[in-house]
Amino acid sequence: MPGSLLATRLSRRLVEKAERQFDEKQAAELERKIRKQEFTFDDFLDQLHQIRKMGPLTGLLKMIPGMGAQLGNMKVDERELDRIQAIITSMTREERTNPSILNGSRRRRIAQGSGTNVSAVNQLVKQFSQMQKVMRQLSQGKTPSLSQLARGR
């Protein structure tokens, strides 16, 4: 089977799988939150659950045209998703809504509750902050600079 035909079929399968999992109302609400810059760790956790319902992440990535060849036999460590989920669920509702209140003692408590360490909590909070920055730029019609994001600014 030619490569482009295979890529088209894999893309179609990924879209069909996503459509079965995502509700239009949820998607509209998520879009509203992103536009209003109200995306929280709770929303992130919901999205993580939706993605996990679709199956193993490696399988999903291989359905994206061009990704299968790049991944080869590489496996995505699903335990990392478990760690992210554990960190987020160890936060209070207020912390998930407003991560700016996460001081040192809160981060230690979250790390202890999630079975991770403070640096893992710090890394997740930093990545979430960067993701919010990208969403903010996209909602303003700007294209975020990937090199700027890689530097963490």
C-alpha atoms as a PDB file:
ATOM      1  CA  MET A   1       0.000   0.000   0.000  1.00  0.00           C
ATOM      2  CA  PRO A   2       1.478   3.386  -0.968  1.00  0.00           C
ATOM      3  CA  GLY A   3       2.696   5.532   1.938  1.00  0.00           C
ATOM      4  CA  SER A   4       0.322   8.436   1.360  1.00  0.00           C
ATOM      5  CA  LEU A   5      -2.706   6.143   1.213  1.00  0.00           C
ATOM      6  CA  LEU A   6      -1.630   4.462   4.450  1.00  0.00           C
ATOM      7  CA  ALA A   7      -1.095   7.870   6.104  1.00  0.00           C
ATOM      8  CA  THR A   8      -4.555   8.991   4.986  1.00  0.00           C
ATOM      9  CA  ARG A   9      -6.172   5.862   6.406  1.00  0.00           C
ATOM     10  CA  LEU A  10      -4.290   6.196   9.703  1.00  0.00           C
ATOM     11  CA  SER A  11      -5.277   9.877   9.957  1.00  0.00           C
ATOM     12  CA  ARG A  12      -8.906   9.004   9.294  1.00  0.00           C
ATOM     13  CA  ARG A  13      -8.785   6.303  11.999  1.00  0.00           C
ATOM     14  CA  LEU A  14      -7.329   8.789  14.488  1.00  0.00           C
ATOM     15  CA  VAL A  15     -10.022  11.372  13.700  1.00  0.00           C
ATOM     16  CA  GLU A  16     -12.783   8.764  13.961  1.00  0.00           C
ATOM     17  CA  LYS A  17     -11.412   7.555  17.286  1.00  0.00           C
ATOM     18  CA  ALA A  18     -11.229  11.112  18.615  1.00  0.00           C
ATOM     19  CA  GLU A  19     -14.767  11.887  17.448  1.00  0.00           C
ATOM     20  CA  ARG A  20     -16.099   8.879  19.375  1.00  0.00           C
ATOM     21  CA  GLN A  21     -14.452  10.098  22.585  1.00  0.00           C
ATOM     22  CA  PHE A  22     -15.050  13.844  22.531  1.00  0.00           C
ATOM     23  CA  ASP A  23     -18.410  15.461  23.051  1.00  0.00           C
ATOM     24  CA  GLU A  24     -19.211  18.605  21.028  1.00  0.00           C
ATOM     25  CA  LYS A  25     -20.405  20.470  24.136  1.00  0.00           C
ATOM     26  CA  GLN A  26     -17.186  19.598  25.962  1.00  0.00           C
ATOM     27  CA  ALA A  27     -15.122  20.740  22.992  1.00  0.00           C
ATOM     28  CA  ALA A  28     -17.013  24.043  22.808  1.00  0.00           C
ATOM     29  CA  GLU A  29     -16.577  24.610  26.562  1.00  0.00           C
ATOM     30  CA  LEU A  30     -12.870  23.818  26.314  1.00  0.00           C
ATOM     31  CA  GLU A  31     -12.491  26.258  23.430  1.00  0.00           C
ATOM     32  CA  ARG A  32     -14.289  28.940  25.462  1.00  0.00           C
ATOM     33  CA  LYS A  33     -11.983  28.368  28.439  1.00  0.00           C
ATOM     34  CA  ILE A  34      -8.909  28.570  26.247  1.00  0.00           C
ATOM     35  CA  ARG A  35     -10.117  31.809  24.625  1.00  0.00           C
ATOM     36  CA  LYS A  36     -10.946  33.322  28.036  1.00  0.00           C
ATOM     37  CA  GLN A  37      -7.657  32.061  29.486  1.00  0.00           C
ATOM     38  CA  GLU A  38      -9.500  29.999  32.112  1.00  0.00           C
ATOM     39  CA  PHE A  39      -7.850  26.630  31.337  1.00  0.00           C
ATOM     40  CA  THR A  40      -7.030  24.952  34.674  1.00  0.00           C
ATOM     41  CA  PHE A  41      -5.337  21.785  35.892  1.00  0.00           C
ATOM     42  CA  ASP A  42      -8.851  20.282  36.181  1.00  0.00           C
ATOM     43  CA  ASP A  43      -9.375  20.886  32.461  1.00  0.00           C
ATOM     44  CA  PHE A  44      -5.948  19.442  31.746  1.00  0.00           C
ATOM     45  CA  LEU A  45      -6.813  16.359  33.805  1.00  0.00           C
ATOM     46  CA  ASP A  46     -10.104  15.962  31.914  1.00  0.00           C
ATOM     47  CA  GLN A  47      -8.226  16.098  28.613  1.00  0.00           C
ATOM     48  CA  LEU A  48      -5.728  13.552  29.889  1.00  0.00           C
ATOM     49  CA  HIS A  49      -8.604  11.195  30.764  1.00  0.00           C
ATOM     50  CA  GLN A  50     -10.148  11.674  27.302  1.00  0.00           C
ATOM     51  CA  ILE A  51      -6.856  10.878  25.573  1.00  0.00           C
ATOM     52  CA  ARG A  52      -6.284   7.797  27.709  1.00  0.00           C
ATOM     53  CA  LYS A  53      -9.757   6.496  26.798  1.00  0.00           C
ATOM     54  CA  MET A  54      -8.604   6.445  23.174  1.00  0.00           C
ATOM     55  CA  GLY A  55      -5.953   3.832  23.928  1.00  0.00           C
ATOM     56  CA  PRO A  56      -2.202   3.635  24.379  1.00  0.00           C
ATOM     57  CA  LEU A  57      -0.447   6.892  23.506  1.00  0.00           C
ATOM     58  CA  THR A  58       2.108   5.135  21.287  1.00  0.00           C
ATOM     59  CA  GLY A  59      -0.716   3.759  19.139  1.00  0.00           C
ATOM     60  CA  LEU A  60      -2.321   7.191  18.846  1.00  0.00           C
ATOM     61  CA  LEU A  61       0.955   8.849  17.878  1.00  0.00           C
ATOM     62  CA  LYS A  62       1.573   6.236  15.194  1.00  0.00           C
ATOM     63  CA  MET A  63      -1.751   7.196  13.597  1.00  0.00           C
ATOM     64  CA  ILE A  64      -0.444  10.709  12.941  1.00  0.00           C
ATOM     65  CA  PRO A  65       1.026  10.870   9.433  1.00  0.00           C
ATOM     66  CA  GLY A  66       4.815  10.856   9.581  1.00  0.00           C
ATOM     67  CA  MET A  67       4.995   9.983  13.273  1.00  0.00           C
ATOM     68  CA  GLY A  68       4.996   6.203  12.835  1.00  0.00           C
ATOM     69  CA  ALA A  69       8.325   6.229  11.021  1.00  0.00           C
ATOM     70  CA  GLN A  70       9.826   8.674  13.516  1.00  0.00           C
ATOM     71  CA  LEU A  71       8.718   6.615  16.511  1.00  0.00           C
ATOM     72  CA  GLY A  72       9.941   3.307  15.126  1.00  0.00           C
ATOM     73  CA  ASN A  73       9.805   0.809  18.001  1.00  0.00           C
ATOM     74  CA  MET A  74       9.933   3.542  20.648  1.00  0.00           C
ATOM     75  CA  LYS A  75       7.329   3.228  23.390  1.00  0.00           C
ATOM     76  CA  VAL A  76       5.801   6.137  25.277  1.00  0.00           C
ATOM     77  CA  ASP A  77       6.068   5.609  29.026  1.00  0.00           C
ATOM     78  CA  GLU A  78       2.429   5.569  30.140  1.00  0.00           C
ATOM     79  CA  ARG A  79       3.652   5.752  33.753  1.00  0.00           C
ATOM     80  CA  GLU A  80       4.561   9.392  33.129  1.00  0.00           C
ATOM     81  CA  LEU A  81       0.866  10.085  32.523  1.00  0.00           C
ATOM     82  CA  ASP A  82       0.122   8.307  35.810  1.00  0.00           C
ATOM     83  CA  ARG A  83       2.636  10.563  37.602  1.00  0.00           C
ATOM     84  CA  ILE A  84       1.070  13.687  36.078  1.00  0.00           C
ATOM     85  CA  GLN A  85      -2.373  12.513  37.143  1.00  0.00           C
ATOM     86  CA  ALA A  86      -1.134  11.732  40.666  1.00  0.00           C
ATOM     87  CA  ILE A  87       0.423  15.192  41.013  1.00  0.00           C
ATOM     88  CA  ILE A  88      -2.708  16.990  39.821  1.00  0.00           C
ATOM     89  CA  THR A  89      -5.056  14.932  41.995  1.00  0.00           C
ATOM     90  CA  SER A  90      -2.839  15.651  45.016  1.00  0.00           C
ATOM     91  CA  MET A  91      -3.581  19.355  44.610  1.00  0.00           C
ATOM     92  CA  THR A  92      -6.529  21.027  46.302  1.00  0.00           C
ATOM     93  CA  ARG A  93      -9.287  22.401  44.073  1.00  0.00           C
ATOM     94  CA  GLU A  94      -7.982  25.911  44.742  1.00  0.00           C
ATOM     95  CA  GLU A  95      -4.448  24.924  43.713  1.00  0.00           C
ATOM     96  CA  ARG A  96      -5.707  23.292  40.510  1.00  0.00           C
ATOM     97  CA  THR A  97      -7.641  26.446  39.664  1.00  0.00           C
ATOM     98  CA  ASN A  98      -4.931  28.924  40.669  1.00  0.00           C
ATOM     99  CA  PRO A  99      -1.424  27.390  40.420  1.00  0.00           C
ATOM    100  CA  SER A 100       0.174  30.733  41.327  1.00  0.00           C
ATOM    101  CA  ILE A 101      -0.540  29.956  45.004  1.00  0.00           C
ATOM    102  CA  LEU A 102       1.764  26.928  44.911  1.00  0.00           C
ATOM    103  CA  ASN A 103       4.488  27.913  47.341  1.00  0.00           C
ATOM    104  CA  GLY A 104       7.246  25.632  48.611  1.00  0.00           C
ATOM    105  CA  SER A 105       5.285  23.957  51.403  1.00  0.00           C
ATOM    106  CA  ARG A 106       2.313  23.264  49.114  1.00  0.00           C
ATOM    107  CA  ARG A 107       4.629  21.766  46.495  1.00  0.00           C
ATOM    108  CA  ARG A 108       6.230  19.529  49.152  1.00  0.00           C
ATOM    109  CA  ARG A 109       2.784  18.351  50.283  1.00  0.00           C
ATOM    110  CA  ILE A 110       1.729  17.651  46.675  1.00  0.00           C
ATOM    111  CA  ALA A 111       4.969  15.746  46.013  1.00  0.00           C
ATOM    112  CA  GLN A 112       4.462  13.675  49.146  1.00  0.00           C
ATOM    113  CA  GLY A 113       0.816  12.979  48.286  1.00  0.00           C
ATOM    114  CA  SER A 114       1.620  11.970  44.723  1.00  0.00           C
ATOM    115  CA  GLY A 115       4.616   9.787  45.552  1.00  0.00           C
ATOM    116  CA  THR A 116       6.902  12.019  43.509  1.00  0.00           C
ATOM    117  CA  ASN A 117       9.432  14.698  44.388  1.00  0.00           C
ATOM    118  CA  VAL A 118       9.264  18.488  44.438  1.00  0.00           C
ATOM    119  CA  SER A 119      11.212  18.779  41.183  1.00  0.00           C
ATOM    120  CA  ALA A 120       8.537  16.691  39.386  1.00  0.00           C
ATOM    121  CA  VAL A 121       5.844  19.013  40.749  1.00  0.00           C
ATOM    122  CA  ASN A 122       7.893  22.064  39.724  1.00  0.00           C
ATOM    123  CA  GLN A 123       8.407  20.646  36.238  1.00  0.00           C
ATOM    124  CA  LEU A 124       4.682  19.987  35.750  1.00  0.00           C
ATOM    125  CA  VAL A 125       3.743  23.472  36.979  1.00  0.00           C
ATOM    126  CA  LYS A 126       6.328  25.010  34.629  1.00  0.00           C
ATOM    127  CA  GLN A 127       5.093  22.973  31.651  1.00  0.00           C
ATOM    128  CA  PHE A 128       1.505  23.877  32.451  1.00  0.00           C
ATOM    129  CA  SER A 129       2.460  27.549  32.620  1.00  0.00           C
ATOM    130  CA  GLN A 130       4.160  27.279  29.225  1.00  0.00           C
ATOM    131  CA  MET A 131       1.099  25.535  27.802  1.00  0.00           C
ATOM    132  CA  GLN A 132      -1.123  28.350  29.097  1.00  0.00           C
ATOM    133  CA  LYS A 133       1.222  30.860  27.457  1.00  0.00           C
ATOM    134  CA  VAL A 134       0.888  29.077  24.106  1.00  0.00           C
ATOM    135  CA  MET A 135      -2.901  28.976  24.475  1.00  0.00           C
ATOM    136  CA  ARG A 136      -2.961  32.680  25.323  1.00  0.00           C
ATOM    137  CA  GLN A 137      -0.906  33.500  22.216  1.00  0.00           C
ATOM    138  CA  LEU A 138      -3.071  31.290  20.012  1.00  0.00           C
ATOM    139  CA  SER A 139      -6.270  32.874  21.360  1.00  0.00           C
ATOM    140  CA  GLN A 140      -4.838  36.275  20.406  1.00  0.00           C
ATOM    141  CA  GLY A 141      -4.132  35.030  16.887  1.00  0.00           C
ATOM    142  CA  LYS A 142      -0.366  34.926  17.417  1.00  0.00           C
ATOM    143  CA  THR A 143       1.898  32.058  16.481  1.00  0.00           C
ATOM    144  CA  PRO A 144       4.035  31.143  19.485  1.00  0.00           C
ATOM    145  CA  SER A 145       7.775  30.905  19.023  1.00  0.00           C
ATOM    146  CA  LEU A 146       8.896  27.334  19.602  1.00  0.00           C
ATOM    147  CA  SER A 147      12.459  28.396  20.357  1.00  0.00           C
ATOM    148  CA  GLN A 148      11.162  30.820  22.981  1.00  0.00           C
ATOM    149  CA  LEU A 149       9.105  28.012  24.558  1.00  0.00           C
ATOM    150  CA  ALA A 150      12.095  25.674  24.557  1.00  0.00           C
ATOM    151  CA  ARG A 151      13.999  28.244  26.603  1.00  0.00           C
ATOM    152  CA  GLY A 152      11.047  28.458  29.022  1.00  0.00           C
ATOM    153  CA  ARG A 153      10.300  32.178  28.603  1.00  0.00           C
END
